[in-house]
Amino acid sequence: MDSKTIIESALNLSPAEKLILIDAISESLNEPNKEIEKYWKEEVENRYKAYLDGKIKTISIEDVFKK
């Protein structure tokens, strides 16, 4: 099946089906980078440990939104 046929078929879908298709295509384009995911996992774990150890100061959500 060529792209023209796929597009024509997609245009005949219901709005809900079009959203499902858009979401599936979008997710396939945004596959996570495993190296970046590994870095962020380590960063989150380090920050959480620092929080538990009392090494970082927290800010209330109210103060965040005041700024």
PDB file of N, CA and C in Angstrom:
ATOM      1  N   MET A   1       0.854  -1.176   0.000  1.00  0.00           N
ATOM      2  CA  MET A   1       0.000   0.000   0.000  1.00  0.00           C
ATOM      3  C   MET A   1       0.900   1.239   0.000  1.00  0.00           C
ATOM      4  N   ASP A   2       0.635   2.160  -0.896  1.00  0.00           N
ATOM      5  CA  ASP A   2       1.443   3.379  -0.969  1.00  0.00           C
ATOM      6  C   ASP A   2       0.885   4.465  -0.059  1.00  0.00           C
ATOM      7  N   SER A   3       1.662   5.533   0.133  1.00  0.00           N
ATOM      8  CA  SER A   3       1.274   6.582   1.078  1.00  0.00           C
ATOM      9  C   SER A   3       0.001   7.300   0.648  1.00  0.00           C
ATOM     10  N   LYS A   4      -0.221   7.457  -0.664  1.00  0.00           N
ATOM     11  CA  LYS A   4      -1.439   8.134  -1.134  1.00  0.00           C
ATOM     12  C   LYS A   4      -2.669   7.335  -0.713  1.00  0.00           C
ATOM     13  N   THR A   5      -2.624   6.027  -0.860  1.00  0.00           N
ATOM     14  CA  THR A   5      -3.743   5.164  -0.471  1.00  0.00           C
ATOM     15  C   THR A   5      -3.963   5.212   1.033  1.00  0.00           C
ATOM     16  N   ILE A   6      -2.877   5.231   1.781  1.00  0.00           N
ATOM     17  CA  ILE A   6      -2.984   5.297   3.249  1.00  0.00           C
ATOM     18  C   ILE A   6      -3.642   6.606   3.664  1.00  0.00           C
ATOM     19  N   ILE A   7      -3.220   7.704   3.048  1.00  0.00           N
ATOM     20  CA  ILE A   7      -3.791   9.014   3.388  1.00  0.00           C
ATOM     21  C   ILE A   7      -5.279   9.058   3.040  1.00  0.00           C
ATOM     22  N   GLU A   8      -5.627   8.565   1.885  1.00  0.00           N
ATOM     23  CA  GLU A   8      -7.041   8.545   1.488  1.00  0.00           C
ATOM     24  C   GLU A   8      -7.865   7.722   2.469  1.00  0.00           C
ATOM     25  N   SER A   9      -7.334   6.588   2.884  1.00  0.00           N
ATOM     26  CA  SER A   9      -8.040   5.752   3.859  1.00  0.00           C
ATOM     27  C   SER A   9      -8.160   6.461   5.200  1.00  0.00           C
ATOM     28  N   ALA A  10      -7.093   7.117   5.621  1.00  0.00           N
ATOM     29  CA  ALA A  10      -7.096   7.815   6.909  1.00  0.00           C
ATOM     30  C   ALA A  10      -8.110   8.943   6.920  1.00  0.00           C
ATOM     31  N   LEU A  11      -8.273   9.622   5.806  1.00  0.00           N
ATOM     32  CA  LEU A  11      -9.228  10.731   5.737  1.00  0.00           C
ATOM     33  C   LEU A  11     -10.672  10.258   5.850  1.00  0.00           C
ATOM     34  N   ASN A  12     -10.909   8.999   5.619  1.00  0.00           N
ATOM     35  CA  ASN A  12     -12.261   8.438   5.736  1.00  0.00           C
ATOM     36  C   ASN A  12     -12.554   7.903   7.136  1.00  0.00           C
ATOM     37  N   LEU A  13     -11.592   7.985   8.039  1.00  0.00           N
ATOM     38  CA  LEU A  13     -11.802   7.518   9.406  1.00  0.00           C
ATOM     39  C   LEU A  13     -12.665   8.497  10.189  1.00  0.00           C
ATOM     40  N   SER A  14     -13.249   7.998  11.267  1.00  0.00           N
ATOM     41  CA  SER A  14     -14.000   8.881  12.168  1.00  0.00           C
ATOM     42  C   SER A  14     -13.004   9.788  12.902  1.00  0.00           C
ATOM     43  N   PRO A  15     -13.470  10.897  13.462  1.00  0.00           N
ATOM     44  CA  PRO A  15     -12.559  11.755  14.225  1.00  0.00           C
ATOM     45  C   PRO A  15     -11.818  11.003  15.332  1.00  0.00           C
ATOM     46  N   ALA A  16     -12.503  10.119  16.043  1.00  0.00           N
ATOM     47  CA  ALA A  16     -11.849   9.365  17.124  1.00  0.00           C
ATOM     48  C   ALA A  16     -10.767   8.455  16.560  1.00  0.00           C
ATOM     49  N   GLU A  17     -11.049   7.799  15.439  1.00  0.00           N
ATOM     50  CA  GLU A  17     -10.058   6.909  14.819  1.00  0.00           C
ATOM     51  C   GLU A  17      -8.862   7.701  14.296  1.00  0.00           C
ATOM     52  N   LYS A  18      -9.125   8.911  13.791  1.00  0.00           N
ATOM     53  CA  LYS A  18      -8.029   9.773  13.321  1.00  0.00           C
ATOM     54  C   LYS A  18      -7.111  10.148  14.478  1.00  0.00           C
ATOM     55  N   LEU A  19      -7.700  10.441  15.640  1.00  0.00           N
ATOM     56  CA  LEU A  19      -6.880  10.781  16.807  1.00  0.00           C
ATOM     57  C   LEU A  19      -6.016   9.607  17.241  1.00  0.00           C
ATOM     58  N   ILE A  20      -6.577   8.417  17.201  1.00  0.00           N
ATOM     59  CA  ILE A  20      -5.802   7.215  17.553  1.00  0.00           C
ATOM     60  C   ILE A  20      -4.640   7.050  16.581  1.00  0.00           C
ATOM     61  N   LEU A  21      -4.903   7.249  15.295  1.00  0.00           N
ATOM     62  CA  LEU A  21      -3.859   7.132  14.281  1.00  0.00           C
ATOM     63  C   LEU A  21      -2.775   8.193  14.481  1.00  0.00           C
ATOM     64  N   ILE A  22      -3.195   9.424  14.711  1.00  0.00           N
ATOM     65  CA  ILE A  22      -2.237  10.518  14.948  1.00  0.00           C
ATOM     66  C   ILE A  22      -1.363  10.210  16.153  1.00  0.00           C
ATOM     67  N   ASP A  23      -1.984   9.730  17.226  1.00  0.00           N
ATOM     68  CA  ASP A  23      -1.236   9.407  18.441  1.00  0.00           C
ATOM     69  C   ASP A  23      -0.212   8.302  18.177  1.00  0.00           C
ATOM     70  N   ALA A  24      -0.620   7.269  17.446  1.00  0.00           N
ATOM     71  CA  ALA A  24       0.286   6.155  17.155  1.00  0.00           C
ATOM     72  C   ALA A  24       1.468   6.614  16.303  1.00  0.00           C
ATOM     73  N   ILE A  25       1.200   7.439  15.310  1.00  0.00           N
ATOM     74  CA  ILE A  25       2.279   7.939  14.452  1.00  0.00           C
ATOM     75  C   ILE A  25       3.204   8.855  15.244  1.00  0.00           C
ATOM     76  N   SER A  26       2.615   9.732  16.050  1.00  0.00           N
ATOM     77  CA  SER A  26       3.412  10.652  16.860  1.00  0.00           C
ATOM     78  C   SER A  26       4.322   9.897  17.818  1.00  0.00           C
ATOM     79  N   GLU A  27       3.782   8.888  18.485  1.00  0.00           N
ATOM     80  CA  GLU A  27       4.598   8.110  19.424  1.00  0.00           C
ATOM     81  C   GLU A  27       5.736   7.392  18.716  1.00  0.00           C
ATOM     82  N   SER A  28       5.498   6.938  17.483  1.00  0.00           N
ATOM     83  CA  SER A  28       6.557   6.236  16.758  1.00  0.00           C
ATOM     84  C   SER A  28       7.695   7.179  16.375  1.00  0.00           C
ATOM     85  N   LEU A  29       7.389   8.464  16.282  1.00  0.00           N
ATOM     86  CA  LEU A  29       8.414   9.459  15.947  1.00  0.00           C
ATOM     87  C   LEU A  29       9.170   9.943  17.176  1.00  0.00           C
ATOM     88  N   ASN A  30       8.619   9.694  18.345  1.00  0.00           N
ATOM     89  CA  ASN A  30       9.189  10.216  19.582  1.00  0.00           C
ATOM     90  C   ASN A  30       9.708   9.121  20.496  1.00  0.00           C
ATOM     91  N   GLU A  31      10.350   8.124  19.940  1.00  0.00           N
ATOM     92  CA  GLU A  31      10.880   7.056  20.773  1.00  0.00           C
ATOM     93  C   GLU A  31      11.985   7.617  21.663  1.00  0.00           C
ATOM     94  N   PRO A  32      11.953   7.266  22.944  1.00  0.00           N
ATOM     95  CA  PRO A  32      12.941   7.827  23.872  1.00  0.00           C
ATOM     96  C   PRO A  32      14.371   7.367  23.578  1.00  0.00           C
ATOM     97  N   ASN A  33      15.295   8.265  23.832  1.00  0.00           N
ATOM     98  CA  ASN A  33      16.715   7.958  23.706  1.00  0.00           C
ATOM     99  C   ASN A  33      17.142   7.258  24.991  1.00  0.00           C
ATOM    100  N   LYS A  34      17.614   6.022  24.879  1.00  0.00           N
ATOM    101  CA  LYS A  34      17.950   5.222  26.063  1.00  0.00           C
ATOM    102  C   LYS A  34      19.053   5.856  26.909  1.00  0.00           C
ATOM    103  N   GLU A  35      20.008   6.526  26.285  1.00  0.00           N
ATOM    104  CA  GLU A  35      21.077   7.175  27.048  1.00  0.00           C
ATOM    105  C   GLU A  35      20.526   8.336  27.870  1.00  0.00           C
ATOM    106  N   ILE A  36      19.639   9.118  27.276  1.00  0.00           N
ATOM    107  CA  ILE A  36      19.042  10.242  27.997  1.00  0.00           C
ATOM    108  C   ILE A  36      18.146   9.730  29.118  1.00  0.00           C
ATOM    109  N   GLU A  37      17.367   8.694  28.842  1.00  0.00           N
ATOM    110  CA  GLU A  37      16.514   8.103  29.872  1.00  0.00           C
ATOM    111  C   GLU A  37      17.344   7.604  31.054  1.00  0.00           C
ATOM    112  N   LYS A  38      18.485   6.980  30.762  1.00  0.00           N
ATOM    113  CA  LYS A  38      19.371   6.477  31.819  1.00  0.00           C
ATOM    114  C   LYS A  38      19.889   7.642  32.664  1.00  0.00           C
ATOM    115  N   TYR A  39      20.307   8.740  32.006  1.00  0.00           N
ATOM    116  CA  TYR A  39      20.807   9.915  32.722  1.00  0.00           C
ATOM    117  C   TYR A  39      19.729  10.484  33.642  1.00  0.00           C
ATOM    118  N   TRP A  40      18.490  10.647  33.116  1.00  0.00           N
ATOM    119  CA  TRP A  40      17.425  11.228  33.926  1.00  0.00           C
ATOM    120  C   TRP A  40      17.030  10.329  35.082  1.00  0.00           C
ATOM    121  N   LYS A  41      17.075   9.013  34.880  1.00  0.00           N
ATOM    122  CA  LYS A  41      16.769   8.091  35.971  1.00  0.00           C
ATOM    123  C   LYS A  41      17.774   8.280  37.108  1.00  0.00           C
ATOM    124  N   GLU A  42      19.053   8.361  36.756  1.00  0.00           N
ATOM    125  CA  GLU A  42      20.088   8.579  37.764  1.00  0.00           C
ATOM    126  C   GLU A  42      19.902   9.930  38.455  1.00  0.00           C
ATOM    127  N   GLU A  43      19.577  10.954  37.675  1.00  0.00           N
ATOM    128  CA  GLU A  43      19.384  12.296  38.230  1.00  0.00           C
ATOM    129  C   GLU A  43      18.219  12.318  39.219  1.00  0.00           C
ATOM    130  N   VAL A  44      17.122  11.700  38.852  1.00  0.00           N
ATOM    131  CA  VAL A  44      15.952  11.654  39.727  1.00  0.00           C
ATOM    132  C   VAL A  44      16.279  10.906  41.012  1.00  0.00           C
ATOM    133  N   GLU A  45      16.962   9.787  40.893  1.00  0.00           N
ATOM    134  CA  GLU A  45      17.334   9.018  42.080  1.00  0.00           C
ATOM    135  C   GLU A  45      18.250   9.838  42.993  1.00  0.00           C
ATOM    136  N   ASN A  46      19.214  10.553  42.412  1.00  0.00           N
ATOM    137  CA  ASN A  46      20.121  11.388  43.206  1.00  0.00           C
ATOM    138  C   ASN A  46      19.374  12.521  43.904  1.00  0.00           C
ATOM    139  N   ARG A  47      18.447  13.149  43.189  1.00  0.00           N
ATOM    140  CA  ARG A  47      17.681  14.245  43.796  1.00  0.00           C
ATOM    141  C   ARG A  47      16.786  13.729  44.917  1.00  0.00           C
ATOM    142  N   TYR A  48      16.169  12.585  44.695  1.00  0.00           N
ATOM    143  CA  TYR A  48      15.296  12.019  45.719  1.00  0.00           C
ATOM    144  C   TYR A  48      16.098  11.650  46.972  1.00  0.00           C
ATOM    145  N   LYS A  49      17.264  11.079  46.785  1.00  0.00           N
ATOM    146  CA  LYS A  49      18.119  10.726  47.922  1.00  0.00           C
ATOM    147  C   LYS A  49      18.533  11.991  48.674  1.00  0.00           C
ATOM    148  N   ALA A  50      18.900  13.040  47.933  1.00  0.00           N
ATOM    149  CA  ALA A  50      19.271  14.308  48.567  1.00  0.00           C
ATOM    150  C   ALA A  50      18.089  14.880  49.355  1.00  0.00           C
ATOM    151  N   TYR A  51      16.884  14.747  48.817  1.00  0.00           N
ATOM    152  CA  TYR A  51      15.686  15.204  49.526  1.00  0.00           C
ATOM    153  C   TYR A  51      15.502  14.423  50.824  1.00  0.00           C
ATOM    154  N   LEU A  52      15.598  13.101  50.733  1.00  0.00           N
ATOM    155  CA  LEU A  52      15.426  12.267  51.927  1.00  0.00           C
ATOM    156  C   LEU A  52      16.487  12.554  52.975  1.00  0.00           C
ATOM    157  N   ASP A  53      17.702  12.879  52.532  1.00  0.00           N
ATOM    158  CA  ASP A  53      18.805  13.168  53.449  1.00  0.00           C
ATOM    159  C   ASP A  53      18.765  14.604  53.975  1.00  0.00           C
ATOM    160  N   GLY A  54      17.788  15.390  53.533  1.00  0.00           N
ATOM    161  CA  GLY A  54      17.665  16.775  53.982  1.00  0.00           C
ATOM    162  C   GLY A  54      18.702  17.707  53.382  1.00  0.00           C
ATOM    163  N   LYS A  55      19.267  17.340  52.249  1.00  0.00           N
ATOM    164  CA  LYS A  55      20.321  18.145  51.621  1.00  0.00           C
ATOM    165  C   LYS A  55      19.791  19.183  50.640  1.00  0.00           C
ATOM    166  N   ILE A  56      18.518  19.114  50.315  1.00  0.00           N
ATOM    167  CA  ILE A  56      17.944  20.114  49.414  1.00  0.00           C
ATOM    168  C   ILE A  56      16.710  20.728  50.051  1.00  0.00           C
ATOM    169  N   LYS A  57      16.443  21.954  49.695  1.00  0.00           N
ATOM    170  CA  LYS A  57      15.312  22.685  50.237  1.00  0.00           C
ATOM    171  C   LYS A  57      14.134  22.542  49.277  1.00  0.00           C
ATOM    172  N   THR A  58      12.956  22.330  49.822  1.00  0.00           N
ATOM    173  CA  THR A  58      11.762  22.242  48.987  1.00  0.00           C
ATOM    174  C   THR A  58      11.047  23.582  48.956  1.00  0.00           C
ATOM    175  N   ILE A  59      10.227  23.755  47.934  1.00  0.00           N
ATOM    176  CA  ILE A  59       9.447  24.982  47.770  1.00  0.00           C
ATOM    177  C   ILE A  59       7.990  24.563  47.592  1.00  0.00           C
ATOM    178  N   SER A  60       7.092  25.229  48.294  1.00  0.00           N
ATOM    179  CA  SER A  60       5.677  24.889  48.172  1.00  0.00           C
ATOM    180  C   SER A  60       5.172  25.291  46.792  1.00  0.00           C
ATOM    181  N   ILE A  61       4.124  24.624  46.342  1.00  0.00           N
ATOM    182  CA  ILE A  61       3.546  24.931  45.036  1.00  0.00           C
ATOM    183  C   ILE A  61       3.004  26.358  45.008  1.00  0.00           C
ATOM    184  N   GLU A  62       2.518  26.822  46.140  1.00  0.00           N
ATOM    185  CA  GLU A  62       2.026  28.195  46.208  1.00  0.00           C
ATOM    186  C   GLU A  62       3.148  29.199  45.933  1.00  0.00           C
ATOM    187  N   ASP A  63       4.328  28.944  46.516  1.00  0.00           N
ATOM    188  CA  ASP A  63       5.467  29.840  46.277  1.00  0.00           C
ATOM    189  C   ASP A  63       5.948  29.768  44.832  1.00  0.00           C
ATOM    190  N   VAL A  64       5.859  28.607  44.245  1.00  0.00           N
ATOM    191  CA  VAL A  64       6.268  28.471  42.844  1.00  0.00           C
ATOM    192  C   VAL A  64       5.376  29.325  41.959  1.00  0.00           C
ATOM    193  N   PHE A  65       4.075  29.251  42.185  1.00  0.00           N
ATOM    194  CA  PHE A  65       3.139  29.993  41.351  1.00  0.00           C
ATOM    195  C   PHE A  65       3.136  31.492  41.654  1.00  0.00           C
ATOM    196  N   LYS A  66       3.626  31.907  42.809  1.00  0.00           N
ATOM    197  CA  LYS A  66       3.738  33.333  43.116  1.00  0.00           C
ATOM    198  C   LYS A  66       4.783  34.003  42.231  1.00  0.00           C
ATOM    199  N   LYS A  67       5.804  33.226  41.872  1.00  0.00           N
ATOM    200  CA  LYS A  67       6.884  33.766  41.053  1.00  0.00           C
ATOM    201  C   LYS A  67       6.469  33.734  39.650  1.00  0.00           C
TER     202      LYS A  67
END
